[in-house]
Amino acid sequence: MGRRVLDIVLVSASSLTRQYPGFRMVVHAQAYITNDSMPVQYTSADCFRDVNPRWDHPLRFSLNCSSGGTTSTEYLNIDLFNTMPDGCSWIISSLRIPLLRFLLGASQGATGFINDSWPVSTGGHLYFSYKLGAYVNRVPRIGSTVSTIGGIVGTVGAIGSTVSTIDGIVQGTSFIASLFGLN
């Protein structure tokens, strides 16, 4: 099981259906991946463009992928909200985009930004761009050099072998298993 980064820029929405006549729409979006522990990500509210909000807001998600570069039946969920003058937010629409839409046809290498749109159930469209980072296998091959956020750098050997690190020498399977999330 490996990982890929999905970068999305929520660009804008157009021709949204006004929910409450006589009130200007102040629209923001939230996005998240189903079955993912990453927090929900939010855009700021567009107070000026009414039914045609624009955000140009970047979002980043880390996807669990199989060796083929595809994921299970996970979705990118994007909820559009209208904030009323009293401060209450009402949902305009929820979009549920299959992650396979982004991954199918993409090689295991990084892609450039691709422009896309998705219909909003209550009327209008959501416009966004996305790109995928290269597929990264979580378990390095024997002999490869690895580093972690904690600053540990070493060479992967056979399970139970000695792994040299910046902080000294660490031995045993438990280090290798914990380093690569195998335990």
Protein backbone atom coordinates (compact mmCIF):
# COMPACT_ATOMS: atom_id res chain seq x y z
CA MET A 1 0.00 0.00 0.00
CA GLY A 2 1.39 3.36 -0.99
CA ARG A 3 0.37 6.99 -0.97
CA ARG A 4 -0.33 9.76 -3.46
CA VAL A 5 -0.91 13.43 -2.80
CA LEU A 6 -4.02 14.97 -4.36
CA ASP A 7 -3.73 18.75 -4.70
CA ILE A 8 -6.99 20.54 -5.47
CA VAL A 9 -7.65 24.21 -6.07
CA LEU A 10 -11.31 25.09 -5.54
CA VAL A 11 -11.56 27.86 -8.11
CA SER A 12 -15.20 29.00 -8.20
CA ALA A 13 -18.84 28.13 -8.59
CA SER A 14 -21.22 29.69 -11.06
CA SER A 15 -24.96 30.19 -11.39
CA LEU A 16 -25.79 28.76 -7.97
CA THR A 17 -29.50 28.77 -7.18
CA ARG A 18 -30.36 31.42 -4.61
CA GLN A 19 -31.76 29.68 -1.54
CA TYR A 20 -33.48 32.67 0.03
CA PRO A 21 -34.75 35.40 -2.33
CA GLY A 22 -33.80 38.90 -1.23
CA PHE A 23 -30.62 37.78 0.57
CA ARG A 24 -27.17 38.01 -0.94
CA MET A 25 -25.33 34.67 -0.93
CA VAL A 26 -22.06 34.44 1.01
CA VAL A 27 -20.68 31.06 -0.03
CA HIS A 28 -17.85 28.96 1.37
CA ALA A 29 -16.89 25.32 0.84
CA GLN A 30 -15.59 22.48 2.98
CA ALA A 31 -13.87 19.38 1.60
CA TYR A 32 -12.84 16.01 2.99
CA ILE A 33 -12.16 12.43 1.92
CA THR A 34 -14.55 9.70 3.12
CA ASN A 35 -13.09 7.26 5.64
CA ASP A 36 -10.05 9.48 6.20
CA SER A 37 -8.73 10.79 9.49
CA MET A 38 -7.52 14.06 7.93
CA PRO A 39 -9.42 17.10 9.15
CA VAL A 40 -12.04 18.84 7.06
CA GLN A 41 -10.56 21.68 5.00
CA TYR A 42 -12.40 24.98 4.46
CA THR A 43 -12.30 27.88 2.02
CA SER A 44 -12.94 31.41 3.16
CA ALA A 45 -16.37 32.86 2.43
CA ASP A 46 -16.79 34.98 -0.70
CA CYS A 47 -18.80 38.00 0.44
CA PHE A 48 -18.82 39.81 -2.89
CA ARG A 49 -19.76 37.57 -5.82
CA ASP A 50 -23.18 36.32 -4.66
CA VAL A 51 -24.28 33.29 -6.78
CA ASN A 52 -20.88 33.17 -8.55
CA PRO A 53 -18.37 32.79 -5.67
CA ARG A 54 -14.62 32.61 -6.33
CA TRP A 55 -12.07 31.20 -3.89
CA ASP A 56 -8.89 30.01 -5.68
CA HIS A 57 -8.26 28.04 -2.49
CA PRO A 58 -5.68 25.20 -2.42
CA LEU A 59 -6.43 21.94 -0.61
CA ARG A 60 -4.12 18.94 -0.11
CA PHE A 61 -5.07 15.35 0.63
CA SER A 62 -2.91 12.26 1.11
CA LEU A 63 -4.52 9.19 -0.45
CA ASN A 64 -3.93 5.55 0.46
CA CYS A 65 -3.38 3.68 -2.81
CA SER A 66 -2.79 0.10 -3.87
CA SER A 67 0.24 -0.69 -6.01
CA GLY A 68 -1.86 -0.05 -9.11
CA GLY A 69 -2.33 3.57 -8.07
CA THR A 70 -6.08 3.36 -7.48
CA THR A 71 -8.01 3.51 -4.24
CA SER A 72 -11.10 1.81 -2.94
CA THR A 73 -14.56 3.34 -3.14
CA GLU A 74 -13.57 6.56 -1.40
CA TYR A 75 -14.94 9.94 -2.37
CA LEU A 76 -13.91 13.56 -2.26
CA ASN A 77 -16.82 15.30 -0.56
CA ILE A 78 -17.30 19.02 -1.13
CA ASP A 79 -20.08 20.82 0.72
CA LEU A 80 -21.14 24.32 -0.31
CA PHE A 81 -22.59 26.57 2.40
CA ASN A 82 -24.41 29.90 2.35
CA THR A 83 -23.88 32.10 5.41
CA MET A 84 -26.97 34.14 6.27
CA PRO A 85 -26.88 37.70 7.73
CA ASP A 86 -27.58 36.28 11.22
CA GLY A 87 -24.40 34.15 10.96
CA CYS A 88 -26.11 30.78 10.46
CA SER A 89 -24.74 28.62 7.63
CA TRP A 90 -27.09 26.61 5.44
CA ILE A 91 -25.91 23.86 3.14
CA ILE A 92 -26.49 24.61 -0.53
CA SER A 93 -25.30 21.31 -1.93
CA SER A 94 -23.05 18.32 -1.25
CA LEU A 95 -20.91 16.99 -4.06
CA ARG A 96 -19.55 13.46 -3.86
CA ILE A 97 -16.79 12.87 -6.41
CA PRO A 98 -15.28 9.36 -6.68
CA LEU A 99 -11.51 9.39 -6.17
CA LEU A 100 -11.26 7.00 -9.10
CA ARG A 101 -12.23 9.96 -11.32
CA PHE A 102 -8.87 11.52 -10.46
CA LEU A 103 -6.81 8.31 -10.45
CA LEU A 104 -8.03 6.39 -13.50
CA GLY A 105 -5.93 7.12 -16.51
CA ALA A 106 -3.19 8.75 -14.43
CA SER A 107 0.22 7.12 -14.53
CA GLN A 108 2.06 6.44 -11.29
CA GLY A 109 4.09 9.59 -11.89
CA ALA A 110 3.06 13.11 -10.97
CA THR A 111 0.54 14.89 -13.18
CA GLY A 112 0.16 18.54 -14.08
CA PHE A 113 -2.92 20.51 -13.06
CA ILE A 114 -6.12 19.45 -14.83
CA ASN A 115 -9.16 21.74 -14.96
CA ASP A 116 -12.49 20.09 -14.14
CA SER A 117 -16.06 20.94 -13.16
CA TRP A 118 -18.87 19.15 -11.38
CA PRO A 119 -22.60 19.97 -11.44
CA VAL A 120 -24.14 21.31 -8.24
CA SER A 121 -27.37 19.48 -7.39
CA THR A 122 -29.33 22.68 -6.73
CA GLY A 123 -28.13 24.31 -9.96
CA GLY A 124 -24.85 25.67 -11.28
CA HIS A 125 -21.35 24.20 -11.41
CA LEU A 126 -18.29 23.93 -9.20
CA TYR A 127 -14.96 24.56 -10.96
CA PHE A 128 -11.68 23.17 -9.68
CA SER A 129 -8.21 22.09 -10.75
CA TYR A 130 -6.34 19.06 -9.49
CA LYS A 131 -3.03 17.29 -9.79
CA LEU A 132 -1.65 14.06 -8.40
CA GLY A 133 1.74 13.55 -6.84
CA ALA A 134 3.77 10.50 -7.80
CA TYR A 135 2.86 7.15 -6.27
CA VAL A 136 5.11 6.46 -3.26
CA ASN A 137 5.42 2.93 -1.92
CA ARG A 138 5.28 2.92 1.89
CA VAL A 139 7.66 -0.05 2.26
CA PRO A 140 11.05 0.76 0.70
CA ARG A 141 13.09 -1.90 -1.04
CA ILE A 142 16.02 -3.51 0.75
CA GLY A 143 19.11 -1.38 0.26
CA SER A 144 17.24 1.90 -0.27
CA THR A 145 17.86 4.96 1.89
CA VAL A 146 14.93 6.31 3.86
CA SER A 147 14.23 9.33 6.03
CA THR A 148 11.34 10.24 8.30
CA ILE A 149 9.93 13.46 9.70
CA GLY A 150 11.67 12.70 12.99
CA GLY A 151 15.06 13.02 11.29
CA ILE A 152 15.97 9.34 11.25
CA VAL A 153 17.92 8.40 8.14
CA GLY A 154 19.04 4.90 7.42
CA THR A 155 19.47 2.09 4.93
CA VAL A 156 16.84 -0.62 4.85
CA GLY A 157 18.32 -4.06 5.34
CA ALA A 158 16.83 -7.44 6.04
CA ILE A 159 14.37 -7.59 8.92
CA GLY A 160 16.33 -7.77 12.17
CA SER A 161 19.45 -6.16 10.71
CA THR A 162 21.22 -3.10 12.09
CA VAL A 163 20.02 0.26 10.79
CA SER A 164 22.35 3.24 11.16
CA THR A 165 20.71 6.52 12.07
CA ILE A 166 21.81 10.08 12.72
CA ASP A 167 21.37 9.46 16.45
CA GLY A 168 23.39 6.24 16.57
CA ILE A 169 22.72 2.60 15.78
CA VAL A 170 19.37 0.95 16.33
CA GLN A 171 18.88 -2.81 16.00
CA GLY A 172 15.92 -5.13 15.61
CA THR A 173 12.70 -5.76 13.82
CA SER A 174 10.65 -3.47 16.01
CA PHE A 175 12.57 -0.41 14.72
CA ILE A 176 12.09 -1.37 11.08
CA ALA A 177 8.45 -2.26 11.64
CA SER A 178 7.71 0.99 13.43
CA LEU A 179 9.71 3.06 10.92
CA PHE A 180 7.52 1.88 8.06
CA GLY A 181 4.24 1.51 9.91
CA LEU A 182 4.23 -2.30 9.77
CA ASN A 183 3.41 -2.93 13.44
